[in-house]
């Protein structure tokens, strides 16, 4: 692994100052620190000037270039929708990337076969998880319409969607996560929620207006009415 690793935040804050030169770091520019809440430097004062940006996407190339670089900086950008920093790539020495590319070329076929087999296993595991999530929905909402639990689970657990079914708590079949998934489904299929947009109402107001209807359906599906 690299002898030294550091984070570089494409900061979301309006006011940050470099602890080395004292200059202001504008929003969206590079801030080199453990986190945005720690003291750090601007990129010009960091040891990564002259390093090359390697985008995320190729796990083997990322891992190997990091191994061959004296230093590595993980570049993180704020994801507004997910409300967290997300890795976009890393900064490493150019020579490290070249060495890593040669290594990757030498065993590309072997890695491709392994990745293919791993993808099949992940797909099988995901189908098992979605089926289990649907079963948990049915157990908590025994009176929901036939096969509706399957539709809810498939939507909530869609890979890379960032929806509630992909959270760690949902994978533990947490009751709150199940409720959120079912509530979202009811909102879109059992109320006039979607039809209210474009009529001068805000999302918050529309959600408030359909809340009672959602709660009523939730109680019906749980057998409380």
Foldseek 3Di string as FASTA:
>chain_A
DAPEEWEWELAQDQFDAAPPPGDTDGRRATWIDNDPPDHTHGPVPDPQVQWDWDFDDDVQLQVQLRVPFNYKYFYWYADPVLRGTDTGTMTGHPVSSVVSVVVCVVCVVVVVVVVVVVVVVVVVVLVVQLVVLLVLLCVQQVQDDPPVSSVLSCVQCPPPPSHLCVDPCVSVVPVVSSLVSLLVVCCPPVDCLVVPPPVPDDNVVSCVVCVVVSVVVSCVRNPND
